[in-house]
Amino acid sequence: MPPKRWLLLILIAGAIVRAVVLPLPGTRDVPDWKATAFVVSTDFSGVYGGGGSPPEERKLVWGIASTTTEYPPIDQLELALVGKIYRWIDPDFHDGPLLSILIKLPGMIAELIFVVALLTWGRRVLGDAAVWAAAAFWISPAVWLTGAVDGYLDAQMAVPAALALLAGIDRRPRLAGVLFAVAVLTKPQALFVLPMIALVLARRESRSQVVPAILAASAVGVAACLPYVIAGTWPSLVRALQRFGEHDVVSGTATNLWWLLTWAAGSFVRLSELGWMDALSRPATMVRISTVVAQGIPNPRIIGIVLTLAALAWGTWRAGRNVQGTTAALIGGWCVIAYFMVAGQVHENHSYLALPFLAIAAGAMPKLRRLYWLISAAYALNLYLFYGFGMTMPPAIDRSWTFIDMSVLLSVVYLVLWIWLTREVHIATRVSGRASLPA
């Protein structure tokens, strides 16, 4: 079959899958997004609280849902638009499949923008590699499970971050700055790909790109925060962002190194009580950081920060100042997986940011394609094991089927895949210690 026809079939299949699952209610986080949309659509500048000292931390109440928001202003703007649209349809803001669809719609739009951008702009900049990346991203179960099924907000962050890298490669610094600012002001995890975007902008032959990018990003940041400054509610915004670093879990159902270690430590401690068989078959559970610290163990949050910074430093060093083209995408994806594996407080969806970057890298480097699909599969299984297809469709897989908790085994698989990815980064950057693949 001609390549164009294959691409058309892939695009149609991806669209059909999304259309079928969009009405699903998503995970238990979706009611929080709905409560946020309910409040922010009528009180945008007061969604975090009324400011003050100490700053107010506003409870967002909608029906039986009561939550606070920790997400930055652009995420609030997207939910405000969703809420206004739904209020026009249903002034009483009742729950239902249409509201679930609208909550997920910004993510679907972001995914579509990424695919269209790769097939047009990306094809001019990256060649046919962009076509493979677009198709692989669009059809990946990891992508549509995250957004169309479960309703996470990661696409709205990951897509502009990946397109910021593309803009840097294409020597469009202002666009790169705007896109990166949009990404990080949607979800702060975009910061983990900043080193690669910055290095691409700071290439030796184009140093002048850095300042325009910073100015453009700063302008977006000022515009996004200005409503809260004018309303005097910015202290509540700052307090909300601080809460990102206060989650009291070592691993929030992320099948990473911490998930593996906390399960192993818990099983070892209870070995004399349970015996070998029951200790090994014990289900893995989330462990509180406060519990770990209370036992005199070093704070996993601090250890995770140190390890993450070390990983980012290594990736940046391997890239060097002359990083080129799709190699930056490979190392950017590696940085995200490194954060996912070693940082504390990580959740199951936090490696999503790696997917568009690794898709771009694998499009240009065919030997990475199997690794891209394996990482995507591990990510999708992580989501499914804990949340299935959302609140009304729990997982059909029992984690105890494998005797040792399947999520623990998946942590081992993720670790192996990260080591494999690290090897590929090392190979791609071993010429003079710098990233050297062509754009």
Protein backbone atom coordinates (compact mmCIF):
# COMPACT_ATOMS: atom_id res chain seq x y z
CA MET A 1 0.00 0.00 0.00
CA PRO A 2 1.37 3.49 -0.85
CA PRO A 3 2.80 5.40 2.15
CA LYS A 4 0.24 8.21 1.80
CA ARG A 5 -2.60 5.71 2.09
CA TRP A 6 -1.03 4.14 5.17
CA LEU A 7 -0.74 7.57 6.75
CA LEU A 8 -4.37 8.35 5.96
CA LEU A 9 -5.51 5.06 7.52
CA ILE A 10 -3.46 5.74 10.65
CA LEU A 11 -4.90 9.24 11.00
CA ILE A 12 -8.46 7.95 10.54
CA ALA A 13 -7.93 5.07 12.99
CA GLY A 14 -6.53 7.42 15.63
CA ALA A 15 -9.45 9.80 15.18
CA ILE A 16 -12.01 6.99 15.47
CA VAL A 17 -10.44 5.64 18.67
CA ARG A 18 -10.51 9.10 20.24
CA ALA A 19 -14.11 9.72 19.20
CA VAL A 20 -15.23 6.44 20.77
CA VAL A 21 -13.56 6.95 24.16
CA LEU A 22 -13.94 10.72 24.62
CA PRO A 23 -17.31 10.46 26.44
CA LEU A 24 -15.80 8.20 29.13
CA PRO A 25 -15.63 9.93 32.53
CA GLY A 26 -11.85 9.58 32.85
CA THR A 27 -9.89 9.10 36.05
CA ARG A 28 -10.70 10.45 39.50
CA ASP A 29 -8.80 13.64 38.59
CA VAL A 30 -11.38 14.67 35.98
CA PRO A 31 -13.98 15.81 38.55
CA ASP A 32 -11.28 18.15 39.89
CA TRP A 33 -10.80 19.61 36.40
CA LYS A 34 -14.58 20.03 36.15
CA ALA A 35 -14.73 21.81 39.50
CA THR A 36 -11.89 24.07 38.37
CA ALA A 37 -13.67 24.84 35.09
CA PHE A 38 -16.86 25.60 37.01
CA VAL A 39 -15.13 28.17 39.24
CA VAL A 40 -12.51 29.66 36.91
CA SER A 41 -15.06 30.33 34.16
CA THR A 42 -16.66 32.99 36.39
CA ASP A 43 -13.77 34.03 38.66
CA PHE A 44 -10.54 33.71 36.70
CA SER A 45 -8.38 35.94 38.89
CA GLY A 46 -9.72 34.42 42.12
CA VAL A 47 -9.34 30.74 41.29
CA TYR A 48 -6.24 30.35 43.49
CA GLY A 49 -7.63 32.44 46.35
CA GLY A 50 -7.97 36.02 47.40
CA GLY A 51 -4.32 36.68 48.17
CA GLY A 52 -3.43 38.10 51.58
CA SER A 53 -0.79 37.10 54.08
CA PRO A 54 -0.77 34.21 54.66
CA PRO A 55 -2.33 33.73 51.24
CA GLU A 56 -5.78 32.21 50.97
CA GLU A 57 -5.90 28.72 49.46
CA ARG A 58 -9.30 28.58 47.83
CA LYS A 59 -11.44 25.46 47.80
CA LEU A 60 -13.09 24.93 44.43
CA VAL A 61 -16.50 23.41 45.04
CA TRP A 62 -18.76 21.89 42.38
CA GLY A 63 -21.41 19.42 43.41
CA ILE A 64 -19.72 16.85 45.63
CA ALA A 65 -16.26 17.72 44.29
CA SER A 66 -14.03 19.95 46.40
CA THR A 67 -10.44 20.63 45.40
CA THR A 68 -7.69 23.22 45.10
CA THR A 69 -5.75 23.94 41.95
CA GLU A 70 -1.97 23.91 41.68
CA TYR A 71 -1.70 24.38 37.95
CA PRO A 72 -0.26 27.55 36.38
CA PRO A 73 -2.28 30.30 34.69
CA ILE A 74 -2.43 29.00 31.11
CA ASP A 75 -3.97 25.77 32.30
CA GLN A 76 -6.53 27.89 34.15
CA LEU A 77 -7.22 29.87 30.98
CA GLU A 78 -7.91 26.67 29.02
CA LEU A 79 -10.31 25.40 31.69
CA ALA A 80 -11.96 28.81 31.89
CA LEU A 81 -12.72 28.68 28.16
CA VAL A 82 -14.06 25.13 28.53
CA GLY A 83 -16.23 26.23 31.46
CA LYS A 84 -17.63 29.23 29.56
CA ILE A 85 -18.53 27.06 26.58
CA TYR A 86 -20.29 24.56 28.83
CA ARG A 87 -22.14 27.28 30.75
CA TRP A 88 -23.48 28.50 27.41
CA ILE A 89 -24.74 24.96 26.70
CA ASP A 90 -25.87 24.17 30.27
CA PRO A 91 -26.08 27.20 32.58
CA ASP A 92 -26.59 24.90 35.59
CA PHE A 93 -23.32 23.07 34.84
CA HIS A 94 -24.65 19.53 35.28
CA ASP A 95 -22.25 16.62 34.99
CA GLY A 96 -22.42 14.35 31.97
CA PRO A 97 -20.57 12.93 28.95
CA LEU A 98 -20.58 16.28 27.12
CA LEU A 99 -18.74 17.96 29.99
CA SER A 100 -16.21 15.11 30.02
CA ILE A 101 -15.67 15.59 26.29
CA LEU A 102 -15.13 19.32 26.69
CA ILE A 103 -12.66 18.83 29.55
CA LYS A 104 -10.62 16.50 27.33
CA LEU A 105 -10.98 18.64 24.21
CA PRO A 106 -7.93 20.94 24.78
CA GLY A 107 -5.73 17.85 24.91
CA MET A 108 -7.23 16.50 21.69
CA ILE A 109 -6.67 19.85 19.99
CA ALA A 110 -3.04 19.86 21.18
CA GLU A 111 -2.47 16.36 19.79
CA LEU A 112 -3.99 17.35 16.46
CA ILE A 113 -1.87 20.51 16.31
CA PHE A 114 1.26 18.43 16.89
CA VAL A 115 0.41 16.01 14.07
CA VAL A 116 -0.49 18.78 11.61
CA ALA A 117 2.63 20.78 12.57
CA LEU A 118 4.87 17.76 11.98
CA LEU A 119 3.26 16.92 8.63
CA THR A 120 3.72 20.48 7.37
CA TRP A 121 6.30 22.58 9.18
CA GLY A 122 8.11 19.56 10.65
CA ARG A 123 8.43 17.88 7.27
CA ARG A 124 10.18 20.95 5.89
CA VAL A 125 12.57 21.11 8.85
CA LEU A 126 13.14 17.41 9.59
CA GLY A 127 12.24 15.71 6.33
CA ASP A 128 10.32 12.44 6.19
CA ALA A 129 11.28 11.69 9.81
CA ALA A 130 8.51 14.08 10.82
CA VAL A 131 5.92 11.97 8.99
CA TRP A 132 6.87 8.85 10.93
CA ALA A 133 6.86 10.84 14.18
CA ALA A 134 3.40 12.25 13.50
CA ALA A 135 1.93 8.83 12.70
CA ALA A 136 3.62 7.12 15.65
CA PHE A 137 2.45 9.78 18.09
CA TRP A 138 -1.12 9.86 16.79
CA ILE A 139 -1.67 6.10 16.83
CA SER A 140 0.14 5.36 20.10
CA PRO A 141 -2.18 3.87 22.78
CA ALA A 142 -0.06 5.70 25.36
CA VAL A 143 -1.15 9.03 23.87
CA TRP A 144 -4.87 8.41 23.48
CA LEU A 145 -5.09 6.57 26.81
CA THR A 146 -3.64 9.61 28.55
CA GLY A 147 -5.92 12.20 26.99
CA ALA A 148 -8.99 10.82 25.26
CA VAL A 149 -9.59 8.09 27.85
CA ASP A 150 -8.24 9.26 31.20
CA GLY A 151 -8.43 13.03 30.73
CA TYR A 152 -4.94 14.04 31.84
CA LEU A 153 -3.66 17.51 30.91
CA ASP A 154 -0.21 16.51 29.66
CA ALA A 155 -0.71 17.01 25.92
CA GLN A 156 -1.37 20.72 26.46
CA MET A 157 2.11 20.94 28.01
CA ALA A 158 4.08 18.38 25.99
CA VAL A 159 3.02 19.54 22.53
CA PRO A 160 4.13 23.19 22.83
CA ALA A 161 7.35 22.00 24.52
CA ALA A 162 8.15 19.70 21.58
CA LEU A 163 7.20 22.38 19.06
CA ALA A 164 9.47 24.81 20.93
CA LEU A 165 12.34 22.46 20.15
CA LEU A 166 11.25 22.34 16.51
CA ALA A 167 11.18 26.15 16.44
CA GLY A 168 14.69 26.23 17.88
CA ILE A 169 15.93 23.83 15.21
CA ASP A 170 14.25 26.04 12.58
CA ARG A 171 15.95 29.14 14.06
CA ARG A 172 12.74 30.81 15.19
CA PRO A 173 13.76 31.93 18.68
CA ARG A 174 10.74 34.10 19.49
CA LEU A 175 8.35 31.32 18.58
CA ALA A 176 10.42 28.88 20.61
CA GLY A 177 10.25 31.20 23.63
CA VAL A 178 6.49 31.65 23.32
CA LEU A 179 5.86 27.93 22.95
CA PHE A 180 8.08 26.98 25.86
CA ALA A 181 6.43 29.58 28.09
CA VAL A 182 3.01 28.19 27.16
CA ALA A 183 4.24 24.69 28.04
CA VAL A 184 5.71 25.52 31.45
CA LEU A 185 2.77 27.77 32.35
CA THR A 186 0.49 24.81 31.67
CA LYS A 187 2.46 22.22 33.67
CA PRO A 188 5.88 22.86 35.25
CA GLN A 189 7.23 19.45 34.14
CA ALA A 190 8.12 21.11 30.84
CA LEU A 191 11.20 22.45 32.65
CA PHE A 192 12.88 19.07 32.23
CA VAL A 193 13.34 19.62 28.49
CA LEU A 194 14.52 23.22 28.89
CA PRO A 195 18.25 22.30 28.74
CA MET A 196 17.88 20.83 25.24
CA ILE A 197 15.80 23.71 23.93
CA ALA A 198 18.28 26.18 25.41
CA LEU A 199 21.26 24.36 23.86
CA VAL A 200 19.62 24.29 20.44
CA LEU A 201 19.00 28.03 20.71
CA ALA A 202 22.56 28.64 21.92
CA ARG A 203 24.35 26.80 19.12
CA ARG A 204 27.69 28.39 18.34
CA GLU A 205 26.57 29.62 14.94
CA SER A 206 23.39 31.24 16.28
CA ARG A 207 23.98 32.67 19.75
CA SER A 208 21.72 35.63 19.00
CA GLN A 209 18.70 33.33 19.32
CA VAL A 210 18.89 33.13 23.10
CA VAL A 211 17.97 36.69 24.02
CA PRO A 212 14.92 36.94 21.72
CA ALA A 213 13.66 33.60 23.07
CA ILE A 214 14.03 34.76 26.67
CA LEU A 215 12.27 38.06 25.94
CA ALA A 216 9.39 36.32 24.17
CA ALA A 217 8.98 33.78 26.99
CA SER A 218 9.10 36.55 29.57
CA ALA A 219 6.38 38.48 27.75
CA VAL A 220 4.11 35.44 27.82
CA GLY A 221 4.82 34.93 31.53
CA VAL A 222 4.03 38.54 32.37
CA ALA A 223 0.80 38.47 30.35
CA ALA A 224 -0.30 35.20 31.98
CA CYS A 225 0.33 36.42 35.54
CA LEU A 226 -0.83 40.02 35.09
CA PRO A 227 -4.53 39.39 35.88
CA TYR A 228 -3.57 38.01 39.30
CA VAL A 229 -1.21 40.90 40.00
CA ILE A 230 -3.90 43.44 39.09
CA ALA A 231 -6.48 41.64 41.24
CA GLY A 232 -4.04 41.34 44.16
CA THR A 233 -4.42 37.54 44.23
CA TRP A 234 -0.88 36.71 43.10
CA PRO A 235 0.21 35.53 46.61
CA SER A 236 -2.37 32.75 46.29
CA LEU A 237 -0.99 31.89 42.85
CA VAL A 238 2.52 31.62 44.28
CA ARG A 239 1.25 29.48 47.16
CA ALA A 240 -0.56 27.18 44.72
CA LEU A 241 2.63 26.60 42.74
CA GLN A 242 4.52 25.88 45.96
CA ARG A 243 2.17 22.99 46.66
CA PHE A 244 3.64 21.14 43.67
CA GLY A 245 6.66 20.39 45.82
CA GLU A 246 4.68 19.32 48.88
CA HIS A 247 2.99 16.11 47.73
CA ASP A 248 3.57 13.59 50.49
CA VAL A 249 4.24 10.48 48.39
CA VAL A 250 7.51 8.85 47.44
CA SER A 251 5.99 7.61 44.18
CA GLY A 252 2.42 8.42 43.15
CA THR A 253 1.74 5.11 41.32
CA ALA A 254 4.64 5.78 38.95
CA THR A 255 6.33 2.47 38.24
CA ASN A 256 9.79 3.91 38.69
CA LEU A 257 12.87 3.24 40.80
CA TRP A 258 11.19 4.56 43.97
CA TRP A 259 8.16 2.31 43.45
CA LEU A 260 10.51 -0.65 43.21
CA LEU A 261 12.60 0.35 46.22
CA THR A 262 9.68 1.11 48.54
CA TRP A 263 8.07 -2.24 47.69
CA ALA A 264 11.36 -4.08 48.25
CA ALA A 265 12.03 -2.28 51.53
CA GLY A 266 8.50 -2.92 52.78
CA SER A 267 8.69 -6.60 51.86
CA PHE A 268 12.08 -6.98 53.55
CA VAL A 269 10.90 -5.31 56.77
CA ARG A 270 7.87 -7.63 56.94
CA LEU A 271 9.76 -10.77 55.92
CA SER A 272 9.79 -12.31 59.42
CA GLU A 273 6.09 -11.55 59.84
CA LEU A 274 4.87 -12.73 56.43
CA GLY A 275 7.44 -15.28 55.26
CA TRP A 276 9.09 -15.33 51.85
CA MET A 277 6.04 -16.20 49.79
CA ASP A 278 3.69 -13.60 51.25
CA ALA A 279 6.41 -10.94 51.40
CA LEU A 280 7.18 -11.38 47.69
CA SER A 281 3.51 -11.45 46.69
CA ARG A 282 2.69 -8.40 48.81
CA PRO A 283 0.97 -5.67 46.74
CA ALA A 284 2.95 -2.49 46.20
CA THR A 285 1.35 0.63 47.66
CA MET A 286 2.12 4.33 47.82
CA VAL A 287 4.41 5.29 50.70
CA ARG A 288 4.34 8.71 52.34
CA ILE A 289 7.52 10.75 52.45
CA SER A 290 6.66 11.80 56.00
CA THR A 291 6.52 8.14 57.03
CA VAL A 292 9.95 7.47 55.54
CA VAL A 293 11.49 10.52 57.23
CA ALA A 294 9.88 9.60 60.58
CA GLN A 295 11.81 6.33 60.47
CA GLY A 296 15.11 8.20 60.26
CA ILE A 297 15.62 7.54 56.54
CA PRO A 298 16.96 10.42 54.38
CA ASN A 299 14.23 12.44 52.69
CA PRO A 300 13.41 10.85 49.29
CA ARG A 301 12.32 14.26 48.00
CA ILE A 302 15.81 15.70 48.52
CA ILE A 303 17.51 12.59 47.17
CA GLY A 304 15.25 12.72 44.13
CA ILE A 305 16.05 16.37 43.47
CA VAL A 306 19.80 15.70 43.65
CA LEU A 307 19.55 12.68 41.35
CA THR A 308 17.35 14.54 38.86
CA LEU A 309 19.70 17.52 38.71
CA ALA A 310 22.63 15.15 38.23
CA ALA A 311 20.81 13.40 35.38
CA LEU A 312 19.96 16.69 33.68
CA ALA A 313 23.57 17.82 34.08
CA TRP A 314 24.81 14.59 32.46
CA GLY A 315 22.40 14.92 29.55
CA THR A 316 23.37 18.55 29.02
CA TRP A 317 27.06 17.68 29.16
CA ARG A 318 26.62 14.87 26.63
CA ALA A 319 24.79 17.21 24.29
CA GLY A 320 27.40 19.94 24.52
CA ARG A 321 27.02 23.39 23.06
CA ASN A 322 26.84 22.15 19.47
CA VAL A 323 23.77 19.94 19.79
CA GLN A 324 22.01 19.50 16.48
CA GLY A 325 18.60 18.53 15.24
CA THR A 326 16.89 15.39 16.37
CA THR A 327 19.64 14.42 18.79
CA ALA A 328 18.28 17.15 21.04
CA ALA A 329 14.89 15.42 20.92
CA LEU A 330 16.49 12.12 21.94
CA ILE A 331 18.30 13.66 24.91
CA GLY A 332 15.21 15.70 25.86
CA GLY A 333 13.17 12.50 26.00
CA TRP A 334 15.92 10.86 28.04
CA CYS A 335 15.88 13.75 30.53
CA VAL A 336 12.14 13.26 31.08
CA ILE A 337 12.50 9.51 31.62
CA ALA A 338 15.40 10.16 33.99
CA TYR A 339 13.21 12.52 36.03
CA PHE A 340 10.42 9.94 36.00
CA MET A 341 12.73 7.21 37.25
CA VAL A 342 14.67 8.96 40.03
CA ALA A 343 12.66 11.96 41.29
CA GLY A 344 10.33 11.76 44.26
CA GLN A 345 6.62 12.64 44.10
CA VAL A 346 6.37 11.47 40.48
CA HIS A 347 3.00 10.30 39.17
CA GLU A 348 2.14 7.71 36.55
CA ASN A 349 1.57 10.26 33.75
CA HIS A 350 4.75 12.28 34.24
CA SER A 351 6.74 10.50 31.53
CA TYR A 352 4.21 11.54 28.87
CA LEU A 353 6.39 14.54 28.00
CA ALA A 354 9.02 12.15 26.66
CA LEU A 355 6.69 10.68 24.01
CA PRO A 356 6.65 13.50 21.41
CA PHE A 357 10.39 14.03 21.83
CA LEU A 358 11.18 10.34 21.42
CA ALA A 359 8.80 10.12 18.44
CA ILE A 360 10.76 12.88 16.69
CA ALA A 361 14.06 11.17 17.54
CA ALA A 362 12.84 7.75 16.40
CA GLY A 363 11.53 9.22 13.16
CA ALA A 364 15.06 10.30 12.28
CA MET A 365 16.84 7.29 13.82
CA PRO A 366 15.01 4.08 12.86
CA LYS A 367 16.97 1.99 15.35
CA LEU A 368 15.14 3.88 18.13
CA ARG A 369 11.69 2.95 16.90
CA ARG A 370 11.41 -0.33 18.80
CA LEU A 371 12.52 1.47 21.95
CA TYR A 372 9.91 4.18 21.36
CA TRP A 373 7.15 1.59 21.15
CA LEU A 374 8.40 -0.29 24.22
CA ILE A 375 8.54 2.89 26.31
CA SER A 376 5.07 3.82 25.06
CA ALA A 377 3.79 0.36 26.00
CA ALA A 378 5.33 0.56 29.48
CA TYR A 379 3.77 3.97 29.99
CA ALA A 380 0.35 2.78 28.80
CA LEU A 381 0.50 -0.31 31.02
CA ASN A 382 1.43 1.85 34.02
CA LEU A 383 -1.71 3.93 33.48
CA TYR A 384 -3.93 0.93 32.81
CA LEU A 385 -2.79 -1.17 35.78
CA PHE A 386 -3.95 1.50 38.21
CA TYR A 387 -6.80 3.29 36.43
CA GLY A 388 -8.02 1.09 33.59
CA PHE A 389 -10.17 3.04 31.15
CA GLY A 390 -11.31 5.43 33.85
CA MET A 391 -13.67 5.38 36.78
CA THR A 392 -16.37 3.25 35.11
CA MET A 393 -14.00 0.73 33.48
CA PRO A 394 -11.43 -0.51 36.03
CA PRO A 395 -8.49 -2.60 34.78
CA ALA A 396 -9.31 -6.11 33.63
CA ILE A 397 -5.78 -7.12 34.65
CA ASP A 398 -5.11 -8.14 38.25
CA ARG A 399 -1.64 -7.08 39.37
CA SER A 400 -1.34 -10.28 41.42
CA TRP A 401 -1.46 -12.51 38.33
CA THR A 402 2.35 -12.41 38.16
CA PHE A 403 2.83 -13.43 41.84
CA ILE A 404 5.20 -10.50 42.37
CA ASP A 405 3.04 -7.41 41.87
CA MET A 406 2.90 -6.68 38.14
CA SER A 407 3.56 -2.99 38.79
CA VAL A 408 6.83 -3.92 40.53
CA LEU A 409 7.89 -5.99 37.54
CA LEU A 410 6.94 -3.07 35.31
CA SER A 411 9.29 -0.88 37.37
CA VAL A 412 12.09 -3.28 36.48
CA VAL A 413 11.10 -3.12 32.81
CA TYR A 414 11.06 0.68 32.93
CA LEU A 415 14.53 0.64 34.51
CA VAL A 416 15.87 -1.62 31.74
CA LEU A 417 14.33 0.63 29.07
CA TRP A 418 15.90 3.68 30.68
CA ILE A 419 19.32 1.98 30.69
CA TRP A 420 18.80 1.08 27.02
CA LEU A 421 17.84 4.68 26.25
CA THR A 422 20.91 5.91 28.15
CA ARG A 423 23.08 3.68 25.96
CA GLU A 424 21.53 5.18 22.84
CA VAL A 425 22.21 8.70 24.13
CA HIS A 426 25.81 7.72 24.83
CA ILE A 427 26.23 6.30 21.31
CA ALA A 428 24.61 9.34 19.68
CA THR A 429 26.88 11.76 21.54
CA ARG A 430 30.18 9.92 21.72
CA VAL A 431 31.79 11.78 18.78
CA SER A 432 33.96 14.34 20.54
CA GLY A 433 31.58 14.08 23.51
CA ARG A 434 28.94 16.11 21.67
CA ALA A 435 25.64 15.49 19.95
CA SER A 436 26.54 15.16 16.31
CA LEU A 437 23.64 13.79 14.31
CA PRO A 438 22.36 16.05 11.54
CA ALA A 439 19.08 17.91 11.75
